[in-house]
PDB file of N, CA and C in Angstrom:
ATOM      1  N   MET A   1       0.823  -1.176   0.000  1.00  0.00           N
ATOM      2  CA  MET A   1       0.000   0.000   0.000  1.00  0.00           C
ATOM      3  C   MET A   1       0.876   1.251   0.000  1.00  0.00           C
ATOM      4  N   TYR A   2       1.874   1.259   0.847  1.00  0.00           N
ATOM      5  CA  TYR A   2       2.735   2.432   0.995  1.00  0.00           C
ATOM      6  C   TYR A   2       3.430   2.769  -0.323  1.00  0.00           C
ATOM      7  N   ILE A   3       4.001   1.771  -0.955  1.00  0.00           N
ATOM      8  CA  ILE A   3       4.758   1.998  -2.197  1.00  0.00           C
ATOM      9  C   ILE A   3       3.842   2.489  -3.305  1.00  0.00           C
ATOM     10  N   SER A   4       2.679   1.876  -3.445  1.00  0.00           N
ATOM     11  CA  SER A   4       1.779   2.290  -4.527  1.00  0.00           C
ATOM     12  C   SER A   4       1.259   3.713  -4.310  1.00  0.00           C
ATOM     13  N   MET A   5       1.034   4.104  -3.065  1.00  0.00           N
ATOM     14  CA  MET A   5       0.574   5.476  -2.812  1.00  0.00           C
ATOM     15  C   MET A   5       1.678   6.486  -3.099  1.00  0.00           C
ATOM     16  N   VAL A   6       2.916   6.163  -2.733  1.00  0.00           N
ATOM     17  CA  VAL A   6       4.033   7.076  -3.013  1.00  0.00           C
ATOM     18  C   VAL A   6       4.228   7.199  -4.517  1.00  0.00           C
ATOM     19  N   ARG A   7       4.126   6.073  -5.217  1.00  0.00           N
ATOM     20  CA  ARG A   7       4.267   6.103  -6.671  1.00  0.00           C
ATOM     21  C   ARG A   7       3.197   6.983  -7.310  1.00  0.00           C
ATOM     22  N   SER A   8       1.957   6.812  -6.851  1.00  0.00           N
ATOM     23  CA  SER A   8       0.886   7.620  -7.445  1.00  0.00           C
ATOM     24  C   SER A   8       1.044   9.087  -7.066  1.00  0.00           C
ATOM     25  N   GLY A   9       1.570   9.367  -5.875  1.00  0.00           N
ATOM     26  CA  GLY A   9       1.829  10.751  -5.482  1.00  0.00           C
ATOM     27  C   GLY A   9       2.913  11.383  -6.325  1.00  0.00           C
ATOM     28  N   GLU A  10       3.950  10.616  -6.638  1.00  0.00           N
ATOM     29  CA  GLU A  10       5.017  11.125  -7.514  1.00  0.00           C
ATOM     30  C   GLU A  10       4.475  11.396  -8.907  1.00  0.00           C
ATOM     31  N   ASN A  11       3.694  10.451  -9.419  1.00  0.00           N
ATOM     32  CA  ASN A  11       3.151  10.604 -10.769  1.00  0.00           C
ATOM     33  C   ASN A  11       2.147  11.751 -10.854  1.00  0.00           C
ATOM     34  N   GLY A  12       1.373  11.950  -9.809  1.00  0.00           N
ATOM     35  CA  GLY A  12       0.352  12.992  -9.829  1.00  0.00           C
ATOM     36  C   GLY A  12       0.864  14.350  -9.379  1.00  0.00           C
ATOM     37  N   GLY A  13       2.079  14.407  -8.901  1.00  0.00           N
ATOM     38  CA  GLY A  13       2.649  15.676  -8.483  1.00  0.00           C
ATOM     39  C   GLY A  13       2.181  16.164  -7.116  1.00  0.00           C
ATOM     40  N   ASN A  14       1.602  15.296  -6.328  1.00  0.00           N
ATOM     41  CA  ASN A  14       1.173  15.705  -4.988  1.00  0.00           C
ATOM     42  C   ASN A  14       1.756  14.763  -3.923  1.00  0.00           C
ATOM     43  N   LEU A  15       3.049  14.567  -3.992  1.00  0.00           N
ATOM     44  CA  LEU A  15       3.740  13.665  -3.071  1.00  0.00           C
ATOM     45  C   LEU A  15       3.625  14.146  -1.621  1.00  0.00           C
ATOM     46  N   GLY A  16       3.687  15.451  -1.421  1.00  0.00           N
ATOM     47  CA  GLY A  16       3.595  15.996  -0.059  1.00  0.00           C
ATOM     48  C   GLY A  16       2.288  15.623   0.623  1.00  0.00           C
ATOM     49  N   MET A  17       1.183  15.757  -0.104  1.00  0.00           N
ATOM     50  CA  MET A  17      -0.124  15.426   0.456  1.00  0.00           C
ATOM     51  C   MET A  17      -0.222  13.923   0.759  1.00  0.00           C
ATOM     52  N   ILE A  18       0.292  13.107  -0.151  1.00  0.00           N
ATOM     53  CA  ILE A  18       0.262  11.656   0.040  1.00  0.00           C
ATOM     54  C   ILE A  18       1.092  11.270   1.264  1.00  0.00           C
ATOM     55  N   MET A  19       2.266  11.868   1.404  1.00  0.00           N
ATOM     56  CA  MET A  19       3.125  11.560   2.554  1.00  0.00           C
ATOM     57  C   MET A  19       2.436  11.973   3.861  1.00  0.00           C
ATOM     58  N   LYS A  20       1.744  13.088   3.845  1.00  0.00           N
ATOM     59  CA  LYS A  20       1.013  13.539   5.038  1.00  0.00           C
ATOM     60  C   LYS A  20      -0.094  12.550   5.384  1.00  0.00           C
ATOM     61  N   ARG A  21      -0.831  12.099   4.375  1.00  0.00           N
ATOM     62  CA  ARG A  21      -1.896  11.127   4.616  1.00  0.00           C
ATOM     63  C   ARG A  21      -1.332   9.817   5.161  1.00  0.00           C
ATOM     64  N   LEU A  22      -0.223   9.370   4.576  1.00  0.00           N
ATOM     65  CA  LEU A  22       0.396   8.136   5.065  1.00  0.00           C
ATOM     66  C   LEU A  22       0.881   8.294   6.506  1.00  0.00           C
ATOM     67  N   ALA A  23       1.477   9.442   6.806  1.00  0.00           N
ATOM     68  CA  ALA A  23       1.941   9.686   8.176  1.00  0.00           C
ATOM     69  C   ALA A  23       0.765   9.676   9.148  1.00  0.00           C
ATOM     70  N   ASP A  24      -0.328  10.328   8.773  1.00  0.00           N
ATOM     71  CA  ASP A  24      -1.516  10.337   9.629  1.00  0.00           C
ATOM     72  C   ASP A  24      -2.067   8.925   9.826  1.00  0.00           C
ATOM     73  N   TYR A  25      -2.115   8.167   8.737  1.00  0.00           N
ATOM     74  CA  TYR A  25      -2.626   6.803   8.801  1.00  0.00           C
ATOM     75  C   TYR A  25      -1.789   5.953   9.756  1.00  0.00           C
ATOM     76  N   TYR A  26      -0.468   5.998   9.600  1.00  0.00           N
ATOM     77  CA  TYR A  26       0.395   5.171  10.444  1.00  0.00           C
ATOM     78  C   TYR A  26       0.408   5.652  11.894  1.00  0.00           C
ATOM     79  N   GLU A  27       0.233   6.941  12.122  1.00  0.00           N
ATOM     80  CA  GLU A  27       0.115   7.435  13.498  1.00  0.00           C
ATOM     81  C   GLU A  27      -1.169   6.928  14.148  1.00  0.00           C
ATOM     82  N   ARG A  28      -2.270   6.928  13.397  1.00  0.00           N
ATOM     83  CA  ARG A  28      -3.530   6.395  13.925  1.00  0.00           C
ATOM     84  C   ARG A  28      -3.404   4.905  14.226  1.00  0.00           C
ATOM     85  N   GLN A  29      -2.756   4.174  13.318  1.00  0.00           N
ATOM     86  CA  GLN A  29      -2.548   2.743  13.534  1.00  0.00           C
ATOM     87  C   GLN A  29      -1.726   2.498  14.799  1.00  0.00           C
ATOM     88  N   ASP A  30      -0.678   3.290  14.970  1.00  0.00           N
ATOM     89  CA  ASP A  30       0.178   3.136  16.146  1.00  0.00           C
ATOM     90  C   ASP A  30      -0.591   3.442  17.430  1.00  0.00           C
ATOM     91  N   ARG A  31      -1.399   4.512  17.408  1.00  0.00           N
ATOM     92  CA  ARG A  31      -2.218   4.847  18.584  1.00  0.00           C
ATOM     93  C   ARG A  31      -3.216   3.741  18.896  1.00  0.00           C
ATOM     94  N   LEU A  32      -3.835   3.190  17.858  1.00  0.00           N
ATOM     95  CA  LEU A  32      -4.805   2.118  18.056  1.00  0.00           C
ATOM     96  C   LEU A  32      -4.138   0.883  18.659  1.00  0.00           C
ATOM     97  N   ARG A  33      -2.988   0.504  18.135  1.00  0.00           N
ATOM     98  CA  ARG A  33      -2.255  -0.638  18.694  1.00  0.00           C
ATOM     99  C   ARG A  33      -1.904  -0.397  20.157  1.00  0.00           C
ATOM    100  N   SER A  34      -1.477   0.816  20.453  1.00  0.00           N
ATOM    101  CA  SER A  34      -1.119   1.161  21.827  1.00  0.00           C
ATOM    102  C   SER A  34      -2.337   1.081  22.743  1.00  0.00           C
ATOM    103  N   GLN A  35      -3.474   1.573  22.281  1.00  0.00           N
ATOM    104  CA  GLN A  35      -4.694   1.519  23.088  1.00  0.00           C
ATOM    105  C   GLN A  35      -5.145   0.078  23.309  1.00  0.00           C
ATOM    106  N   ILE A  36      -5.059  -0.732  22.272  1.00  0.00           N
ATOM    107  CA  ILE A  36      -5.447  -2.140  22.402  1.00  0.00           C
ATOM    108  C   ILE A  36      -4.523  -2.845  23.385  1.00  0.00           C
ATOM    109  N   ARG A  37      -3.238  -2.605  23.256  1.00  0.00           N
ATOM    110  CA  ARG A  37      -2.264  -3.215  24.161  1.00  0.00           C
ATOM    111  C   ARG A  37      -2.552  -2.802  25.607  1.00  0.00           C
ATOM    112  N   SER A  38      -2.815  -1.518  25.813  1.00  0.00           N
ATOM    113  CA  SER A  38      -3.120  -1.027  27.161  1.00  0.00           C
ATOM    114  C   SER A  38      -4.405  -1.643  27.696  1.00  0.00           C
ATOM    115  N   ALA A  39      -5.389  -1.797  26.828  1.00  0.00           N
ATOM    116  CA  ALA A  39      -6.664  -2.370  27.256  1.00  0.00           C
ATOM    117  C   ALA A  39      -6.540  -3.849  27.596  1.00  0.00           C
ATOM    118  N   MET A  40      -5.569  -4.542  27.042  1.00  0.00           N
ATOM    119  CA  MET A  40      -5.403  -5.968  27.284  1.00  0.00           C
ATOM    120  C   MET A  40      -4.562  -6.273  28.518  1.00  0.00           C
ATOM    121  N   ILE A  41      -3.823  -5.313  29.022  1.00  0.00           N
ATOM    122  CA  ILE A  41      -2.942  -5.571  30.161  1.00  0.00           C
ATOM    123  C   ILE A  41      -3.749  -5.944  31.405  1.00  0.00           C
ATOM    124  N   TYR A  42      -4.782  -5.192  31.732  1.00  0.00           N
ATOM    125  CA  TYR A  42      -5.564  -5.454  32.942  1.00  0.00           C
ATOM    126  C   TYR A  42      -6.242  -6.829  32.907  1.00  0.00           C
ATOM    127  N   PRO A  43      -6.953  -7.192  31.837  1.00  0.00           N
ATOM    128  CA  PRO A  43      -7.559  -8.535  31.818  1.00  0.00           C
ATOM    129  C   PRO A  43      -6.519  -9.653  31.898  1.00  0.00           C
ATOM    130  N   ALA A  44      -5.381  -9.467  31.245  1.00  0.00           N
ATOM    131  CA  ALA A  44      -4.342 -10.493  31.315  1.00  0.00           C
ATOM    132  C   ALA A  44      -3.818 -10.626  32.742  1.00  0.00           C
ATOM    133  N   PHE A  45      -3.587  -9.496  33.398  1.00  0.00           N
ATOM    134  CA  PHE A  45      -3.115  -9.526  34.781  1.00  0.00           C
ATOM    135  C   PHE A  45      -4.135 -10.207  35.684  1.00  0.00           C
ATOM    136  N   MET A  46      -5.401  -9.864  35.525  1.00  0.00           N
ATOM    137  CA  MET A  46      -6.438 -10.450  36.371  1.00  0.00           C
ATOM    138  C   MET A  46      -6.582 -11.954  36.125  1.00  0.00           C
ATOM    139  N   THR A  47      -6.409 -12.389  34.894  1.00  0.00           N
ATOM    140  CA  THR A  47      -6.474 -13.817  34.589  1.00  0.00           C
ATOM    141  C   THR A  47      -5.347 -14.567  35.278  1.00  0.00           C
ATOM    142  N   VAL A  48      -4.135 -14.050  35.165  1.00  0.00           N
ATOM    143  CA  VAL A  48      -2.980 -14.694  35.800  1.00  0.00           C
ATOM    144  C   VAL A  48      -3.143 -14.681  37.320  1.00  0.00           C
ATOM    145  N   PHE A  49      -3.561 -13.543  37.869  1.00  0.00           N
ATOM    146  CA  PHE A  49      -3.746 -13.432  39.312  1.00  0.00           C
ATOM    147  C   PHE A  49      -4.840 -14.384  39.798  1.00  0.00           C
ATOM    148  N   GLY A  50      -5.945 -14.453  39.074  1.00  0.00           N
ATOM    149  CA  GLY A  50      -7.033 -15.354  39.440  1.00  0.00           C
ATOM    150  C   GLY A  50      -6.599 -16.808  39.410  1.00  0.00           C
ATOM    151  N   PHE A  51      -5.831 -17.181  38.407  1.00  0.00           N
ATOM    152  CA  PHE A  51      -5.318 -18.545  38.320  1.00  0.00           C
ATOM    153  C   PHE A  51      -4.404 -18.841  39.504  1.00  0.00           C
ATOM    154  N   ALA A  52      -3.556 -17.882  39.866  1.00  0.00           N
ATOM    155  CA  ALA A  52      -2.654 -18.063  41.007  1.00  0.00           C
ATOM    156  C   ALA A  52      -3.444 -18.233  42.303  1.00  0.00           C
ATOM    157  N   VAL A  53      -4.526 -17.478  42.460  1.00  0.00           N
ATOM    158  CA  VAL A  53      -5.359 -17.601  43.661  1.00  0.00           C
ATOM    159  C   VAL A  53      -5.999 -18.982  43.720  1.00  0.00           C
ATOM    160  N   VAL A  54      -6.504 -19.464  42.600  1.00  0.00           N
ATOM    161  CA  VAL A  54      -7.130 -20.792  42.572  1.00  0.00           C
ATOM    162  C   VAL A  54      -6.105 -21.869  42.920  1.00  0.00           C
ATOM    163  N   VAL A  55      -4.921 -21.785  42.352  1.00  0.00           N
ATOM    164  CA  VAL A  55      -3.872 -22.765  42.656  1.00  0.00           C
ATOM    165  C   VAL A  55      -3.524 -22.717  44.138  1.00  0.00           C
ATOM    166  N   PHE A  56      -3.386 -21.521  44.681  1.00  0.00           N
ATOM    167  CA  PHE A  56      -3.081 -21.378  46.107  1.00  0.00           C
ATOM    168  C   PHE A  56      -4.184 -21.990  46.965  1.00  0.00           C
ATOM    169  N   MET A  57      -5.432 -21.714  46.613  1.00  0.00           N
ATOM    170  CA  MET A  57      -6.552 -22.254  47.394  1.00  0.00           C
ATOM    171  C   MET A  57      -6.560 -23.782  47.365  1.00  0.00           C
ATOM    172  N   VAL A  58      -6.366 -24.346  46.184  1.00  0.00           N
ATOM    173  CA  VAL A  58      -6.439 -25.801  46.049  1.00  0.00           C
ATOM    174  C   VAL A  58      -5.251 -26.475  46.730  1.00  0.00           C
ATOM    175  N   THR A  59      -4.090 -25.858  46.693  1.00  0.00           N
ATOM    176  CA  THR A  59      -2.910 -26.507  47.270  1.00  0.00           C
ATOM    177  C   THR A  59      -2.708 -26.212  48.751  1.00  0.00           C
ATOM    178  N   ASN A  60      -3.251 -25.120  49.268  1.00  0.00           N
ATOM    179  CA  ASN A  60      -3.012 -24.763  50.665  1.00  0.00           C
ATOM    180  C   ASN A  60      -4.268 -24.723  51.526  1.00  0.00           C
ATOM    181  N   ILE A  61      -5.262 -24.008  51.104  1.00  0.00           N
ATOM    182  CA  ILE A  61      -6.440 -23.779  51.939  1.00  0.00           C
ATOM    183  C   ILE A  61      -7.335 -25.017  52.022  1.00  0.00           C
ATOM    184  N   VAL A  62      -7.653 -25.621  50.896  1.00  0.00           N
ATOM    185  CA  VAL A  62      -8.557 -26.779  50.895  1.00  0.00           C
ATOM    186  C   VAL A  62      -7.992 -27.934  51.720  1.00  0.00           C
ATOM    187  N   PRO A  63      -6.708 -28.273  51.611  1.00  0.00           N
ATOM    188  CA  PRO A  63      -6.196 -29.348  52.478  1.00  0.00           C
ATOM    189  C   PRO A  63      -6.320 -29.026  53.975  1.00  0.00           C
ATOM    190  N   LYS A  64      -6.129 -27.766  54.351  1.00  0.00           N
ATOM    191  CA  LYS A  64      -6.277 -27.394  55.764  1.00  0.00           C
ATOM    192  C   LYS A  64      -7.722 -27.543  56.216  1.00  0.00           C
ATOM    193  N   ILE A  65      -8.647 -27.108  55.380  1.00  0.00           N
ATOM    194  CA  ILE A  65     -10.069 -27.262  55.713  1.00  0.00           C
ATOM    195  C   ILE A  65     -10.420 -28.743  55.822  1.00  0.00           C
ATOM    196  N   THR A  66      -9.880 -29.537  54.923  1.00  0.00           N
ATOM    197  CA  THR A  66     -10.134 -30.977  54.941  1.00  0.00           C
ATOM    198  C   THR A  66      -9.641 -31.588  56.245  1.00  0.00           C
ATOM    199  N   ARG A  67      -8.440 -31.222  56.677  1.00  0.00           N
ATOM    200  CA  ARG A  67      -7.893 -31.758  57.934  1.00  0.00           C
ATOM    201  C   ARG A  67      -8.749 -31.343  59.135  1.00  0.00           C
ATOM    202  N   ILE A  68      -9.232 -30.104  59.124  1.00  0.00           N
ATOM    203  CA  ILE A  68     -10.083 -29.638  60.230  1.00  0.00           C
ATOM    204  C   ILE A  68     -11.353 -30.479  60.309  1.00  0.00           C
ATOM    205  N   PHE A  69     -12.006 -30.703  59.182  1.00  0.00           N
ATOM    206  CA  PHE A  69     -13.236 -31.490  59.179  1.00  0.00           C
ATOM    207  C   PHE A  69     -12.956 -32.939  59.553  1.00  0.00           C
ATOM    208  N   GLU A  70     -11.840 -33.495  59.063  1.00  0.00           N
ATOM    209  CA  GLU A  70     -11.511 -34.885  59.389  1.00  0.00           C
ATOM    210  C   GLU A  70     -11.187 -35.041  60.870  1.00  0.00           C
ATOM    211  N   SER A  71     -10.532 -34.049  61.470  1.00  0.00           N
ATOM    212  CA  SER A  71     -10.199 -34.145  62.896  1.00  0.00           C
ATOM    213  C   SER A  71     -11.450 -34.103  63.765  1.00  0.00           C
ATOM    214  N   ARG A  72     -12.505 -33.528  63.266  1.00  0.00           N
ATOM    215  CA  ARG A  72     -13.764 -33.456  64.021  1.00  0.00           C
ATOM    216  C   ARG A  72     -14.757 -34.540  63.580  1.00  0.00           C
ATOM    217  N   ASP A  73     -14.313 -35.432  62.737  1.00  0.00           N
ATOM    218  CA  ASP A  73     -15.169 -36.497  62.196  1.00  0.00           C
ATOM    219  C   ASP A  73     -16.460 -35.943  61.609  1.00  0.00           C
ATOM    220  N   ALA A  74     -16.339 -34.818  60.921  1.00  0.00           N
ATOM    221  CA  ALA A  74     -17.498 -34.189  60.282  1.00  0.00           C
ATOM    222  C   ALA A  74     -17.424 -34.417  58.776  1.00  0.00           C
ATOM    223  N   ALA A  75     -18.584 -34.397  58.160  1.00  0.00           N
ATOM    224  CA  ALA A  75     -18.631 -34.570  56.705  1.00  0.00           C
ATOM    225  C   ALA A  75     -18.191 -33.274  56.037  1.00  0.00           C
ATOM    226  N   LEU A  76     -17.326 -33.415  55.091  1.00  0.00           N
ATOM    227  CA  LEU A  76     -16.812 -32.260  54.355  1.00  0.00           C
ATOM    228  C   LEU A  76     -17.867 -31.784  53.360  1.00  0.00           C
ATOM    229  N   PRO A  77     -18.145 -30.480  53.292  1.00  0.00           N
ATOM    230  CA  PRO A  77     -19.102 -29.974  52.294  1.00  0.00           C
ATOM    231  C   PRO A  77     -18.633 -30.291  50.869  1.00  0.00           C
ATOM    232  N   LEU A  78     -19.547 -30.268  49.955  1.00  0.00           N
ATOM    233  CA  LEU A  78     -19.259 -30.673  48.577  1.00  0.00           C
ATOM    234  C   LEU A  78     -18.170 -29.844  47.886  1.00  0.00           C
ATOM    235  N   PRO A  79     -18.186 -28.498  47.921  1.00  0.00           N
ATOM    236  CA  PRO A  79     -17.150 -27.756  47.180  1.00  0.00           C
ATOM    237  C   PRO A  79     -15.715 -28.088  47.596  1.00  0.00           C
ATOM    238  N   PRO A  80     -15.384 -28.106  48.897  1.00  0.00           N
ATOM    239  CA  PRO A  80     -14.007 -28.481  49.233  1.00  0.00           C
ATOM    240  C   PRO A  80     -13.698 -29.938  48.914  1.00  0.00           C
ATOM    241  N   ARG A  81     -14.706 -30.802  49.051  1.00  0.00           N
ATOM    242  CA  ARG A  81     -14.497 -32.211  48.724  1.00  0.00           C
ATOM    243  C   ARG A  81     -14.194 -32.370  47.236  1.00  0.00           C
ATOM    244  N   ALA A  82     -14.915 -31.627  46.400  1.00  0.00           N
ATOM    245  CA  ALA A  82     -14.686 -31.691  44.949  1.00  0.00           C
ATOM    246  C   ALA A  82     -13.325 -31.111  44.589  1.00  0.00           C
ATOM    247  N   ALA A  83     -12.911 -30.054  45.284  1.00  0.00           N
ATOM    248  CA  ALA A  83     -11.611 -29.442  44.991  1.00  0.00           C
ATOM    249  C   ALA A  83     -10.470 -30.293  45.507  1.00  0.00           C
ATOM    250  N   ASP A  84     -10.708 -31.012  46.592  1.00  0.00           N
ATOM    251  CA  ASP A  84      -9.645 -31.812  47.190  1.00  0.00           C
ATOM    252  C   ASP A  84      -9.400 -33.096  46.422  1.00  0.00           C
ATOM    253  N   ARG A  85     -10.463 -33.679  45.905  1.00  0.00           N
ATOM    254  CA  ARG A  85     -10.333 -34.949  45.191  1.00  0.00           C
ATOM    255  C   ARG A  85     -11.012 -34.863  43.828  1.00  0.00           C
ATOM    256  N   PRO A  86     -10.388 -34.160  42.890  1.00  0.00           N
ATOM    257  CA  PRO A  86     -11.016 -34.058  41.559  1.00  0.00           C
ATOM    258  C   PRO A  86     -11.077 -35.416  40.873  1.00  0.00           C
ATOM    259  N   GLN A  87     -12.166 -35.684  40.223  1.00  0.00           N
ATOM    260  CA  GLN A  87     -12.373 -36.970  39.553  1.00  0.00           C
ATOM    261  C   GLN A  87     -11.791 -36.953  38.173  1.00  0.00           C
TER     262      GLN A  87
END
């Protein structure tokens, strides 16, 4: 696209206008990419953080809850039981 527009600008005698349009176009593209990148950082961070919390809960908290219920000879509720012994 860039080469064909420069060629047509040279042939038509309005290279300056074409270069300005191309500069504006690429600046808009760069701003859009930057905005998209910025908008994706928060969801990516929250996904990683949420996954880390789930791993921590399953590896640390659920086993402790399980031991507490077992020490009292009580039946473990379904959610911790499902997390402790996935099928």
